[in-house]
C-alpha atoms as a PDB file:
ATOM      1  CA  UNK A   1      89.248 210.283  61.461  1.00  0.00           C
ATOM      2  CA  UNK A   2      88.089 206.613  61.935  1.00  0.00           C
ATOM      3  CA  UNK A   3      85.843 207.089  58.962  1.00  0.00           C
ATOM      4  CA  UNK A   4      88.166 208.925  56.449  1.00  0.00           C
ATOM      5  CA  UNK A   5      91.526 207.258  57.440  1.00  0.00           C
ATOM      6  CA  UNK A   6      94.977 208.626  57.112  1.00  0.00           C
ATOM      7  CA  UNK A   7      94.875 208.844  53.399  1.00  0.00           C
ATOM      8  CA  UNK A   8      91.406 210.222  53.116  1.00  0.00           C
ATOM      9  CA  UNK A   9      92.538 213.089  55.423  1.00  0.00           C
ATOM     10  CA  UNK A  10      95.620 213.654  53.247  1.00  0.00           C
ATOM     11  CA  UNK A  11      93.586 213.883  50.076  1.00  0.00           C
ATOM     12  CA  UNK A  12      91.581 216.663  51.664  1.00  0.00           C
ATOM     13  CA  UNK A  13      94.593 218.526  53.302  1.00  0.00           C
ATOM     14  CA  UNK A  14      97.278 218.291  50.579  1.00  0.00           C
ATOM     15  CA  UNK A  15      95.674 220.558  47.876  1.00  0.00           C
ATOM     16  CA  UNK A  16      95.085 223.306  50.493  1.00  0.00           C
ATOM     17  CA  UNK A  17      98.448 222.958  51.974  1.00  0.00           C
ATOM     18  CA  UNK A  18     100.154 223.187  48.495  1.00  0.00           C
ATOM     19  CA  UNK A  19      98.481 226.443  47.542  1.00  0.00           C
ATOM     20  CA  UNK A  20     100.375 229.769  47.822  1.00  0.00           C
ATOM     21  CA  UNK A  21     103.866 228.198  48.282  1.00  0.00           C
ATOM     22  CA  UNK A  22     106.737 230.445  47.246  1.00  0.00           C
ATOM     23  CA  UNK A  23     109.125 229.757  44.393  1.00  0.00           C
ATOM     24  CA  UNK A  24     111.826 228.653  46.695  1.00  0.00           C
ATOM     25  CA  UNK A  25     109.690 225.541  47.569  1.00  0.00           C
ATOM     26  CA  UNK A  26     110.683 223.021  44.744  1.00  0.00           C
ATOM     27  CA  UNK A  27     108.648 220.078  46.090  1.00  0.00           C
ATOM     28  CA  UNK A  28     105.909 220.683  48.593  1.00  0.00           C
ATOM     29  CA  UNK A  29     103.683 218.373  50.665  1.00  0.00           C
ATOM     30  CA  UNK A  30     102.940 215.029  49.294  1.00  0.00           C
ATOM     31  CA  UNK A  31     106.321 213.437  48.638  1.00  0.00           C
ATOM     32  CA  UNK A  32     108.756 211.579  50.997  1.00  0.00           C
ATOM     33  CA  UNK A  33     110.376 214.949  51.781  1.00  0.00           C
ATOM     34  CA  UNK A  34     109.936 218.662  50.813  1.00  0.00           C
ATOM     35  CA  UNK A  35     112.651 220.183  48.732  1.00  0.00           C
ATOM     36  CA  UNK A  36     113.393 223.987  49.448  1.00  0.00           C
ATOM     37  CA  UNK A  37     115.952 226.265  47.850  1.00  0.00           C
ATOM     38  CA  UNK A  38     118.100 228.147  50.367  1.00  0.00           C
ATOM     39  CA  UNK A  39     120.820 230.280  49.148  1.00  0.00           C
ATOM     40  CA  UNK A  40     122.793 228.100  46.641  1.00  0.00           C
ATOM     41  CA  UNK A  41     121.667 224.931  48.268  1.00  0.00           C
ATOM     42  CA  UNK A  42     118.609 222.737  47.961  1.00  0.00           C
ATOM     43  CA  UNK A  43     117.531 221.271  51.215  1.00  0.00           C
ATOM     44  CA  UNK A  44     115.403 218.207  51.686  1.00  0.00           C
ATOM     45  CA  UNK A  45     113.169 218.342  54.825  1.00  0.00           C
ATOM     46  CA  UNK A  46     111.307 215.416  56.217  1.00  0.00           C
ATOM     47  CA  UNK A  47     109.815 214.214  59.619  1.00  0.00           C
ATOM     48  CA  UNK A  48     108.493 211.007  61.167  1.00  0.00           C
ATOM     49  CA  UNK A  49     106.914 210.208  64.554  1.00  0.00           C
ATOM     50  CA  UNK A  50     107.078 206.867  66.348  1.00  0.00           C
ATOM     51  CA  UNK A  51     104.354 206.411  69.027  1.00  0.00           C
ATOM     52  CA  UNK A  52     104.378 203.501  71.655  1.00  0.00           C
ATOM     53  CA  UNK A  53     101.596 201.174  71.138  1.00  0.00           C
ATOM     54  CA  UNK A  54     101.212 202.339  67.445  1.00  0.00           C
ATOM     55  CA  UNK A  55     104.772 201.989  65.981  1.00  0.00           C
ATOM     56  CA  UNK A  56     106.626 199.954  68.714  1.00  0.00           C
ATOM     57  CA  UNK A  57     106.209 198.285  71.958  1.00  0.00           C
ATOM     58  CA  UNK A  58     108.829 198.283  74.714  1.00  0.00           C
ATOM     59  CA  UNK A  59     108.740 194.590  75.138  1.00  0.00           C
ATOM     60  CA  UNK A  60     109.920 194.187  71.424  1.00  0.00           C
ATOM     61  CA  UNK A  61     113.520 195.324  71.941  1.00  0.00           C
ATOM     62  CA  UNK A  62     115.773 197.633  73.760  1.00  0.00           C
ATOM     63  CA  UNK A  63     116.437 201.397  73.630  1.00  0.00           C
ATOM     64  CA  UNK A  64     119.306 201.063  71.026  1.00  0.00           C
ATOM     65  CA  UNK A  65     116.775 199.363  68.541  1.00  0.00           C
ATOM     66  CA  UNK A  66     114.332 202.230  68.875  1.00  0.00           C
ATOM     67  CA  UNK A  67     116.952 205.010  68.688  1.00  0.00           C
ATOM     68  CA  UNK A  68     118.287 203.280  65.412  1.00  0.00           C
ATOM     69  CA  UNK A  69     114.824 203.013  63.881  1.00  0.00           C
ATOM     70  CA  UNK A  70     113.772 206.570  64.700  1.00  0.00           C
ATOM     71  CA  UNK A  71     116.697 207.846  62.674  1.00  0.00           C
ATOM     72  CA  UNK A  72     116.544 205.133  59.890  1.00  0.00           C
ATOM     73  CA  UNK A  73     112.989 205.839  59.003  1.00  0.00           C
ATOM     74  CA  UNK A  74     113.816 209.546  58.369  1.00  0.00           C
ATOM     75  CA  UNK A  75     116.888 208.901  56.476  1.00  0.00           C
ATOM     76  CA  UNK A  76     114.909 206.441  54.428  1.00  0.00           C
ATOM     77  CA  UNK A  77     112.721 209.366  53.343  1.00  0.00           C
ATOM     78  CA  UNK A  78     115.796 211.271  52.210  1.00  0.00           C
ATOM     79  CA  UNK A  79     116.781 208.202  50.170  1.00  0.00           C
ATOM     80  CA  UNK A  80     113.418 208.204  48.396  1.00  0.00           C
ATOM     81  CA  UNK A  81     114.226 211.650  47.063  1.00  0.00           C
ATOM     82  CA  UNK A  82     117.353 210.597  45.099  1.00  0.00           C
ATOM     83  CA  UNK A  83     121.130 211.799  45.783  1.00  0.00           C
ATOM     84  CA  UNK A  84     120.513 213.522  49.181  1.00  0.00           C
ATOM     85  CA  UNK A  85     123.232 213.879  51.864  1.00  0.00           C
ATOM     86  CA  UNK A  86     121.918 213.812  55.507  1.00  0.00           C
ATOM     87  CA  UNK A  87     122.925 216.924  57.389  1.00  0.00           C
ATOM     88  CA  UNK A  88     121.252 217.593  60.713  1.00  0.00           C
ATOM     89  CA  UNK A  89     118.079 217.378  62.582  1.00  0.00           C
ATOM     90  CA  UNK A  90     116.103 218.064  65.895  1.00  0.00           C
ATOM     91  CA  UNK A  91     114.336 215.414  67.982  1.00  0.00           C
ATOM     92  CA  UNK A  92     111.352 215.923  70.288  1.00  0.00           C
ATOM     93  CA  UNK A  93     110.851 213.227  72.903  1.00  0.00           C
ATOM     94  CA  UNK A  94     107.454 212.596  75.011  1.00  0.00           C
ATOM     95  CA  UNK A  95     108.393 210.372  77.934  1.00  0.00           C
ATOM     96  CA  UNK A  96     106.228 208.969  80.698  1.00  0.00           C
ATOM     97  CA  UNK A  97     107.664 209.660  84.225  1.00  0.00           C
ATOM     98  CA  UNK A  98     108.296 205.995  84.896  1.00  0.00           C
ATOM     99  CA  UNK A  99     110.665 205.598  81.894  1.00  0.00           C
ATOM    100  CA  UNK A 100     114.078 204.087  82.885  1.00  0.00           C
ATOM    101  CA  UNK A 101     116.921 206.560  82.378  1.00  0.00           C
ATOM    102  CA  UNK A 102     119.049 203.563  81.022  1.00  0.00           C
ATOM    103  CA  UNK A 103     116.397 203.050  78.312  1.00  0.00           C
ATOM    104  CA  UNK A 104     116.705 206.673  77.176  1.00  0.00           C
ATOM    105  CA  UNK A 105     120.432 206.601  77.276  1.00  0.00           C
ATOM    106  CA  UNK A 106     120.528 203.411  75.112  1.00  0.00           C
ATOM    107  CA  UNK A 107     118.174 205.166  72.686  1.00  0.00           C
ATOM    108  CA  UNK A 108     120.465 207.914  72.016  1.00  0.00           C
ATOM    109  CA  UNK A 109     123.346 205.372  71.735  1.00  0.00           C
ATOM    110  CA  UNK A 110     121.511 203.424  69.002  1.00  0.00           C
ATOM    111  CA  UNK A 111     120.550 206.728  67.323  1.00  0.00           C
ATOM    112  CA  UNK A 112     124.205 208.087  67.549  1.00  0.00           C
ATOM    113  CA  UNK A 113     125.819 205.022  66.084  1.00  0.00           C
ATOM    114  CA  UNK A 114     123.636 205.268  62.872  1.00  0.00           C
ATOM    115  CA  UNK A 115     124.021 208.982  62.812  1.00  0.00           C
ATOM    116  CA  UNK A 116     127.740 208.659  62.773  1.00  0.00           C
ATOM    117  CA  UNK A 117     127.484 206.160  59.912  1.00  0.00           C
ATOM    118  CA  UNK A 118     125.850 208.654  57.619  1.00  0.00           C
ATOM    119  CA  UNK A 119     127.452 212.023  58.804  1.00  0.00           C
ATOM    120  CA  UNK A 120     124.193 213.129  60.413  1.00  0.00           C
ATOM    121  CA  UNK A 121     124.318 215.530  63.409  1.00  0.00           C
ATOM    122  CA  UNK A 122     121.589 215.899  66.044  1.00  0.00           C
ATOM    123  CA  UNK A 123     121.580 219.668  66.860  1.00  0.00           C
ATOM    124  CA  UNK A 124     118.557 220.191  69.274  1.00  0.00           C
ATOM    125  CA  UNK A 125     115.065 219.218  70.112  1.00  0.00           C
ATOM    126  CA  UNK A 126     112.623 219.130  73.090  1.00  0.00           C
ATOM    127  CA  UNK A 127     111.680 216.744  75.940  1.00  0.00           C
ATOM    128  CA  UNK A 128     108.254 216.749  77.634  1.00  0.00           C
ATOM    129  CA  UNK A 129     106.345 214.515  79.864  1.00  0.00           C
ATOM    130  CA  UNK A 130     103.767 212.257  78.154  1.00  0.00           C
ATOM    131  CA  UNK A 131     101.274 209.381  78.705  1.00  0.00           C
ATOM    132  CA  UNK A 132     103.238 207.172  76.368  1.00  0.00           C
ATOM    133  CA  UNK A 133     106.622 207.138  74.800  1.00  0.00           C
ATOM    134  CA  UNK A 134     106.817 209.338  71.515  1.00  0.00           C
ATOM    135  CA  UNK A 135     109.620 210.479  69.378  1.00  0.00           C
ATOM    136  CA  UNK A 136     109.359 212.900  66.548  1.00  0.00           C
ATOM    137  CA  UNK A 137     112.398 213.685  64.430  1.00  0.00           C
ATOM    138  CA  UNK A 138     112.802 216.212  61.649  1.00  0.00           C
ATOM    139  CA  UNK A 139     115.744 215.783  59.305  1.00  0.00           C
ATOM    140  CA  UNK A 140     117.441 218.129  56.828  1.00  0.00           C
ATOM    141  CA  UNK A 141     119.512 216.803  53.967  1.00  0.00           C
ATOM    142  CA  UNK A 142     121.410 218.569  51.187  1.00  0.00           C
ATOM    143  CA  UNK A 143     120.618 217.676  47.572  1.00  0.00           C
ATOM    144  CA  UNK A 144     123.776 216.613  45.845  1.00  0.00           C
ATOM    145  CA  UNK A 145     122.600 215.356  42.437  1.00  0.00           C
ATOM    146  CA  UNK A 146     119.490 214.259  40.715  1.00  0.00           C
ATOM    147  CA  UNK A 147     116.310 214.010  42.737  1.00  0.00           C
ATOM    148  CA  UNK A 148     113.214 211.811  42.472  1.00  0.00           C
ATOM    149  CA  UNK A 149     109.484 212.547  42.942  1.00  0.00           C
ATOM    150  CA  UNK A 150     106.511 210.318  43.064  1.00  0.00           C
ATOM    151  CA  UNK A 151     104.909 211.971  39.981  1.00  0.00           C
ATOM    152  CA  UNK A 152     107.338 211.194  37.065  1.00  0.00           C
ATOM    153  CA  UNK A 153     106.242 207.596  36.135  1.00  0.00           C
ATOM    154  CA  UNK A 154     104.959 207.136  32.688  1.00  0.00           C
ATOM    155  CA  UNK A 155     103.236 204.085  30.882  1.00  0.00           C
ATOM    156  CA  UNK A 156     105.946 201.741  29.621  1.00  0.00           C
ATOM    157  CA  UNK A 157     108.274 202.290  32.552  1.00  0.00           C
ATOM    158  CA  UNK A 158     109.441 199.251  34.487  1.00  0.00           C
ATOM    159  CA  UNK A 159     108.306 199.030  38.036  1.00  0.00           C
ATOM    160  CA  UNK A 160     111.271 198.128  40.314  1.00  0.00           C
ATOM    161  CA  UNK A 161     112.118 197.495  43.906  1.00  0.00           C
ATOM    162  CA  UNK A 162     115.221 197.320  45.949  1.00  0.00           C
ATOM    163  CA  UNK A 163     116.311 194.623  48.525  1.00  0.00           C
ATOM    164  CA  UNK A 164     113.678 192.051  49.684  1.00  0.00           C
ATOM    165  CA  UNK A 165     110.073 192.509  50.711  1.00  0.00           C
ATOM    166  CA  UNK A 166     107.961 191.153  53.570  1.00  0.00           C
ATOM    167  CA  UNK A 167     110.598 190.583  56.121  1.00  0.00           C
ATOM    168  CA  UNK A 168     109.608 193.261  58.485  1.00  0.00           C
ATOM    169  CA  UNK A 169     105.880 192.260  58.244  1.00  0.00           C
ATOM    170  CA  UNK A 170     106.950 188.699  59.283  1.00  0.00           C
ATOM    171  CA  UNK A 171     109.024 190.234  62.082  1.00  0.00           C
ATOM    172  CA  UNK A 172     105.962 192.013  63.436  1.00  0.00           C
ATOM    173  CA  UNK A 173     103.989 188.887  63.211  1.00  0.00           C
ATOM    174  CA  UNK A 174     106.431 187.142  65.242  1.00  0.00           C
ATOM    175  CA  UNK A 175     106.758 189.837  67.856  1.00  0.00           C
ATOM    176  CA  UNK A 176     102.993 190.126  68.292  1.00  0.00           C
ATOM    177  CA  UNK A 177     102.835 186.469  69.486  1.00  0.00           C
ATOM    178  CA  UNK A 178     102.302 186.752  73.192  1.00  0.00           C
ATOM    179  CA  UNK A 179     104.885 184.092  74.142  1.00  0.00           C
ATOM    180  CA  UNK A 180     107.538 184.955  71.640  1.00  0.00           C
ATOM    181  CA  UNK A 181     110.925 186.113  72.574  1.00  0.00           C
ATOM    182  CA  UNK A 182     113.747 187.046  70.225  1.00  0.00           C
ATOM    183  CA  UNK A 183     116.326 184.238  69.775  1.00  0.00           C
ATOM    184  CA  UNK A 184     119.398 185.407  71.622  1.00  0.00           C
ATOM    185  CA  UNK A 185     117.440 187.769  73.909  1.00  0.00           C
ATOM    186  CA  UNK A 186     116.159 185.471  76.504  1.00  0.00           C
ATOM    187  CA  UNK A 187     113.972 183.535  74.140  1.00  0.00           C
ATOM    188  CA  UNK A 188     112.093 180.453  75.708  1.00  0.00           C
ATOM    189  CA  UNK A 189     111.004 178.699  72.672  1.00  0.00           C
ATOM    190  CA  UNK A 190     112.894 175.780  71.361  1.00  0.00           C
ATOM    191  CA  UNK A 191     114.265 176.583  67.932  1.00  0.00           C
ATOM    192  CA  UNK A 192     116.738 175.036  65.698  1.00  0.00           C
ATOM    193  CA  UNK A 193     119.956 177.211  64.930  1.00  0.00           C
ATOM    194  CA  UNK A 194     118.832 177.476  61.473  1.00  0.00           C
ATOM    195  CA  UNK A 195     115.301 178.680  62.318  1.00  0.00           C
ATOM    196  CA  UNK A 196     116.748 180.890  65.006  1.00  0.00           C
ATOM    197  CA  UNK A 197     118.941 182.688  62.505  1.00  0.00           C
ATOM    198  CA  UNK A 198     115.960 183.115  60.027  1.00  0.00           C
ATOM    199  CA  UNK A 199     113.799 184.570  62.799  1.00  0.00           C
ATOM    200  CA  UNK A 200     116.501 186.795  64.068  1.00  0.00           C
ATOM    201  CA  UNK A 201     116.843 188.123  60.537  1.00  0.00           C
ATOM    202  CA  UNK A 202     113.178 188.901  60.229  1.00  0.00           C
ATOM    203  CA  UNK A 203     112.880 190.647  63.516  1.00  0.00           C
ATOM    204  CA  UNK A 204     115.946 192.692  62.891  1.00  0.00           C
ATOM    205  CA  UNK A 205     114.590 193.777  59.565  1.00  0.00           C
ATOM    206  CA  UNK A 206     111.661 195.400  61.512  1.00  0.00           C
ATOM    207  CA  UNK A 207     113.687 196.733  64.632  1.00  0.00           C
ATOM    208  CA  UNK A 208     116.603 198.044  62.685  1.00  0.00           C
ATOM    209  CA  UNK A 209     115.812 198.885  59.079  1.00  0.00           C
ATOM    210  CA  UNK A 210     118.614 200.090  56.716  1.00  0.00           C
ATOM    211  CA  UNK A 211     118.076 203.320  54.983  1.00  0.00           C
ATOM    212  CA  UNK A 212     118.918 202.707  51.309  1.00  0.00           C
ATOM    213  CA  UNK A 213     120.952 206.045  50.959  1.00  0.00           C
ATOM    214  CA  UNK A 214     123.764 204.445  49.024  1.00  0.00           C
ATOM    215  CA  UNK A 215     121.450 202.676  46.729  1.00  0.00           C
ATOM    216  CA  UNK A 216     119.616 205.881  46.048  1.00  0.00           C
ATOM    217  CA  UNK A 217     122.668 207.748  44.980  1.00  0.00           C
ATOM    218  CA  UNK A 218     123.674 205.054  42.631  1.00  0.00           C
ATOM    219  CA  UNK A 219     120.229 204.969  41.200  1.00  0.00           C
ATOM    220  CA  UNK A 220     120.307 208.717  40.739  1.00  0.00           C
ATOM    221  CA  UNK A 221     123.598 208.501  38.861  1.00  0.00           C
ATOM    222  CA  UNK A 222     121.966 206.254  36.202  1.00  0.00           C
ATOM    223  CA  UNK A 223     119.635 209.122  35.187  1.00  0.00           C
ATOM    224  CA  UNK A 224     116.945 206.453  34.485  1.00  0.00           C
ATOM    225  CA  UNK A 225     114.724 206.666  37.499  1.00  0.00           C
ATOM    226  CA  UNK A 226     111.425 208.450  36.655  1.00  0.00           C
ATOM    227  CA  UNK A 227     109.612 208.213  40.107  1.00  0.00           C
ATOM    228  CA  UNK A 228     110.310 206.806  43.553  1.00  0.00           C
ATOM    229  CA  UNK A 229     109.138 206.501  47.054  1.00  0.00           C
ATOM    230  CA  UNK A 230     110.127 204.304  50.089  1.00  0.00           C
ATOM    231  CA  UNK A 231     107.925 201.239  51.133  1.00  0.00           C
ATOM    232  CA  UNK A 232     107.334 202.478  54.580  1.00  0.00           C
ATOM    233  CA  UNK A 233     103.536 201.612  54.266  1.00  0.00           C
ATOM    234  CA  UNK A 234     104.168 198.372  52.355  1.00  0.00           C
ATOM    235  CA  UNK A 235     104.921 197.652  48.717  1.00  0.00           C
ATOM    236  CA  UNK A 236     101.264 197.570  47.483  1.00  0.00           C
ATOM    237  CA  UNK A 237     100.446 200.975  49.146  1.00  0.00           C
ATOM    238  CA  UNK A 238     103.633 202.430  47.721  1.00  0.00           C
ATOM    239  CA  UNK A 239     102.591 201.318  44.214  1.00  0.00           C
ATOM    240  CA  UNK A 240      99.224 202.784  44.626  1.00  0.00           C
ATOM    241  CA  UNK A 241     100.578 206.033  45.945  1.00  0.00           C
ATOM    242  CA  UNK A 242     103.042 206.249  43.116  1.00  0.00           C
ATOM    243  CA  UNK A 243     100.278 205.510  40.693  1.00  0.00           C
ATOM    244  CA  UNK A 244      98.041 208.102  41.956  1.00  0.00           C
ATOM    245  CA  UNK A 245     100.842 210.758  41.945  1.00  0.00           C
ATOM    246  CA  UNK A 246     101.861 209.915  38.481  1.00  0.00           C
ATOM    247  CA  UNK A 247      98.357 209.384  37.132  1.00  0.00           C
ATOM    248  CA  UNK A 248      99.171 206.045  35.746  1.00  0.00           C
ATOM    249  CA  UNK A 249      98.177 202.491  36.350  1.00  0.00           C
ATOM    250  CA  UNK A 250     100.514 199.435  37.239  1.00  0.00           C
ATOM    251  CA  UNK A 251     100.726 195.837  36.892  1.00  0.00           C
ATOM    252  CA  UNK A 252     102.490 193.965  39.772  1.00  0.00           C
ATOM    253  CA  UNK A 253     103.969 190.548  38.989  1.00  0.00           C
ATOM    254  CA  UNK A 254     103.926 189.012  42.533  1.00  0.00           C
ATOM    255  CA  UNK A 255     105.926 185.861  41.351  1.00  0.00           C
ATOM    256  CA  UNK A 256     108.792 188.418  40.739  1.00  0.00           C
ATOM    257  CA  UNK A 257     108.688 190.004  44.072  1.00  0.00           C
ATOM    258  CA  UNK A 258     112.067 189.607  45.943  1.00  0.00           C
ATOM    259  CA  UNK A 259     111.715 187.298  48.966  1.00  0.00           C
ATOM    260  CA  UNK A 260     114.442 186.503  51.374  1.00  0.00           C
ATOM    261  CA  UNK A 261     115.375 182.936  52.203  1.00  0.00           C
ATOM    262  CA  UNK A 262     114.492 183.678  55.810  1.00  0.00           C
ATOM    263  CA  UNK A 263     111.006 184.739  54.893  1.00  0.00           C
ATOM    264  CA  UNK A 264     110.530 181.960  52.630  1.00  0.00           C
ATOM    265  CA  UNK A 265     111.627 179.406  55.383  1.00  0.00           C
ATOM    266  CA  UNK A 266     109.219 181.000  57.911  1.00  0.00           C
ATOM    267  CA  UNK A 267     106.292 181.846  55.655  1.00  0.00           C
ATOM    268  CA  UNK A 268     106.351 179.171  52.863  1.00  0.00           C
ATOM    269  CA  UNK A 269     103.530 179.864  50.448  1.00  0.00           C
ATOM    270  CA  UNK A 270     102.398 182.946  52.257  1.00  0.00           C
ATOM    271  CA  UNK A 271     105.745 184.786  51.473  1.00  0.00           C
ATOM    272  CA  UNK A 272     104.536 186.441  48.246  1.00  0.00           C
ATOM    273  CA  UNK A 273     101.520 187.758  50.166  1.00  0.00           C
ATOM    274  CA  UNK A 274     103.564 189.116  52.912  1.00  0.00           C
ATOM    275  CA  UNK A 275     105.960 190.754  50.221  1.00  0.00           C
ATOM    276  CA  UNK A 276     103.010 192.405  48.592  1.00  0.00           C
ATOM    277  CA  UNK A 277     101.221 193.842  51.535  1.00  0.00           C
ATOM    278  CA  UNK A 278     103.688 193.842  54.424  1.00  0.00           C
ATOM    279  CA  UNK A 279     104.964 197.345  55.645  1.00  0.00           C
ATOM    280  CA  UNK A 280     108.069 198.789  57.137  1.00  0.00           C
ATOM    281  CA  UNK A 281     110.707 197.244  54.849  1.00  0.00           C
ATOM    282  CA  UNK A 282     111.965 200.660  53.887  1.00  0.00           C
ATOM    283  CA  UNK A 283     112.934 199.558  50.490  1.00  0.00           C
ATOM    284  CA  UNK A 284     112.867 201.834  47.509  1.00  0.00           C
ATOM    285  CA  UNK A 285     109.939 201.409  45.141  1.00  0.00           C
ATOM    286  CA  UNK A 286     110.706 203.089  41.876  1.00  0.00           C
ATOM    287  CA  UNK A 287     110.138 203.237  38.045  1.00  0.00           C
ATOM    288  CA  UNK A 288     112.701 203.528  35.445  1.00  0.00           C
ATOM    289  CA  UNK A 289     112.844 203.739  31.676  1.00  0.00           C
ATOM    290  CA  UNK A 290     112.266 200.269  30.214  1.00  0.00           C
ATOM    291  CA  UNK A 291     115.519 200.398  28.204  1.00  0.00           C
ATOM    292  CA  UNK A 292     117.541 201.051  31.481  1.00  0.00           C
ATOM    293  CA  UNK A 293     115.937 198.385  33.561  1.00  0.00           C
ATOM    294  CA  UNK A 294     118.218 195.542  32.743  1.00  0.00           C
ATOM    295  CA  UNK A 295     121.233 197.782  33.414  1.00  0.00           C
ATOM    296  CA  UNK A 296     119.845 198.775  36.855  1.00  0.00           C
ATOM    297  CA  UNK A 297     119.239 194.986  37.578  1.00  0.00           C
ATOM    298  CA  UNK A 298     122.862 194.224  36.899  1.00  0.00           C
ATOM    299  CA  UNK A 299     123.899 196.573  39.746  1.00  0.00           C
ATOM    300  CA  UNK A 300     122.710 193.606  41.866  1.00  0.00           C
ATOM    301  CA  UNK A 301     120.259 195.245  44.381  1.00  0.00           C
ATOM    302  CA  UNK A 302     117.070 195.888  42.538  1.00  0.00           C
ATOM    303  CA  UNK A 303     114.797 193.889  40.241  1.00  0.00           C
ATOM    304  CA  UNK A 304     111.816 194.523  37.909  1.00  0.00           C
ATOM    305  CA  UNK A 305     108.512 193.495  39.451  1.00  0.00           C
ATOM    306  CA  UNK A 306     105.925 194.963  37.174  1.00  0.00           C
ATOM    307  CA  UNK A 307     105.214 197.494  34.602  1.00  0.00           C
ATOM    308  CA  UNK A 308     103.503 201.024  34.454  1.00  0.00           C
ATOM    309  CA  UNK A 309     100.329 201.051  32.262  1.00  0.00           C
ATOM    310  CA  UNK A 310      97.764 203.692  31.354  1.00  0.00           C
ATOM    311  CA  UNK A 311      95.710 204.843  34.259  1.00  0.00           C
ATOM    312  CA  UNK A 312      92.536 203.401  32.760  1.00  0.00           C
ATOM    313  CA  UNK A 313      93.895 199.827  33.427  1.00  0.00           C
ATOM    314  CA  UNK A 314      94.206 200.533  37.127  1.00  0.00           C
ATOM    315  CA  UNK A 315      96.596 199.091  39.594  1.00  0.00           C
ATOM    316  CA  UNK A 316      96.433 195.239  39.579  1.00  0.00           C
ATOM    317  CA  UNK A 317      98.459 192.309  40.926  1.00  0.00           C
ATOM    318  CA  UNK A 318      99.094 189.091  38.892  1.00  0.00           C
ATOM    319  CA  UNK A 319     100.525 185.745  40.025  1.00  0.00           C
ATOM    320  CA  UNK A 320     101.975 183.819  37.270  1.00  0.00           C
ATOM    321  CA  UNK A 321      99.893 185.835  34.781  1.00  0.00           C
ATOM    322  CA  UNK A 322      96.551 185.409  36.668  1.00  0.00           C
ATOM    323  CA  UNK A 323      94.876 188.159  38.660  1.00  0.00           C
ATOM    324  CA  UNK A 324      95.255 187.680  42.305  1.00  0.00           C
ATOM    325  CA  UNK A 325      93.702 189.399  45.468  1.00  0.00           C
ATOM    326  CA  UNK A 326      95.826 191.666  47.606  1.00  0.00           C
ATOM    327  CA  UNK A 327      95.696 191.175  51.442  1.00  0.00           C
ATOM    328  CA  UNK A 328      94.630 194.201  53.480  1.00  0.00           C
ATOM    329  CA  UNK A 329      97.122 196.712  54.357  1.00  0.00           C
ATOM    330  CA  UNK A 330      97.583 198.832  57.598  1.00  0.00           C
ATOM    331  CA  UNK A 331      96.264 202.454  57.729  1.00  0.00           C
ATOM    332  CA  UNK A 332      96.253 204.954  60.514  1.00  0.00           C
ATOM    333  CA  UNK A 333      92.819 205.397  62.108  1.00  0.00           C
ATOM    334  CA  UNK A 334      91.245 202.386  60.486  1.00  0.00           C
ATOM    335  CA  UNK A 335      90.584 199.036  62.205  1.00  0.00           C
END
């Protein structure tokens, strides 16, 4: 696995897993969620796993943060599929024997608060002893309107993204500093109130991401989105996945990437690089018909950051019209 990496494994497995699926499977493996017809409904099904030491560390935040994030990353997958209403799910937890009961209670408190906000119900699961804390959530959603796939982009489409990018990557960089404490949570570092506010924003973007369900519904109603996925693995990785699925190329204009004031304050000239390659922002990366791009931008939460081109031109990044290198991105099993 260390040789092939996560995506190398998926390239081998996905064609095999996709063979022989029944007609009730509308979208199988390879998108942010599967779509399955059941009676008169179409259900979206997705799952994500968070593992201590890989996706989080206990020192980074409390149980409520982790409970929120466990649900948020799954709801983000539903958002990436378009107009999908969260319904219910099951949660499996692997817990070391020394895990404080209060931490687990806080986990479910943070989980429940986000669930209530989106009308989601936790209806079961499993709990086992484990060497490290692990949570695996499977979520069901009901398709209410238009759906998105990764494979619909065509040359000439606008490449777009919601929100701001790079914030969570900056939050991770801050939390990985050995002496860092989150401002307002027992921090020891001397920080101005302005810097403290910016840093808290960046860390919260990592610990408590916002699933873009409302924005996805609004985008679905435009009828202009041609392909979509969420930026769980970083913007650049998302663009390459979308391009591969749609068999197209892409130009990314890094000077157009949306950067928050907090990231600009903290990262300075490095902000565009973090926006390009940082992960876990859970924004929507999508393509739209060129003639509709300005109308979507006028909605106030998304912007054009590039263009879809023929596949022969590949996937390339440009800064002020000049080619630029892309920082390395995280991949499971590598590094």
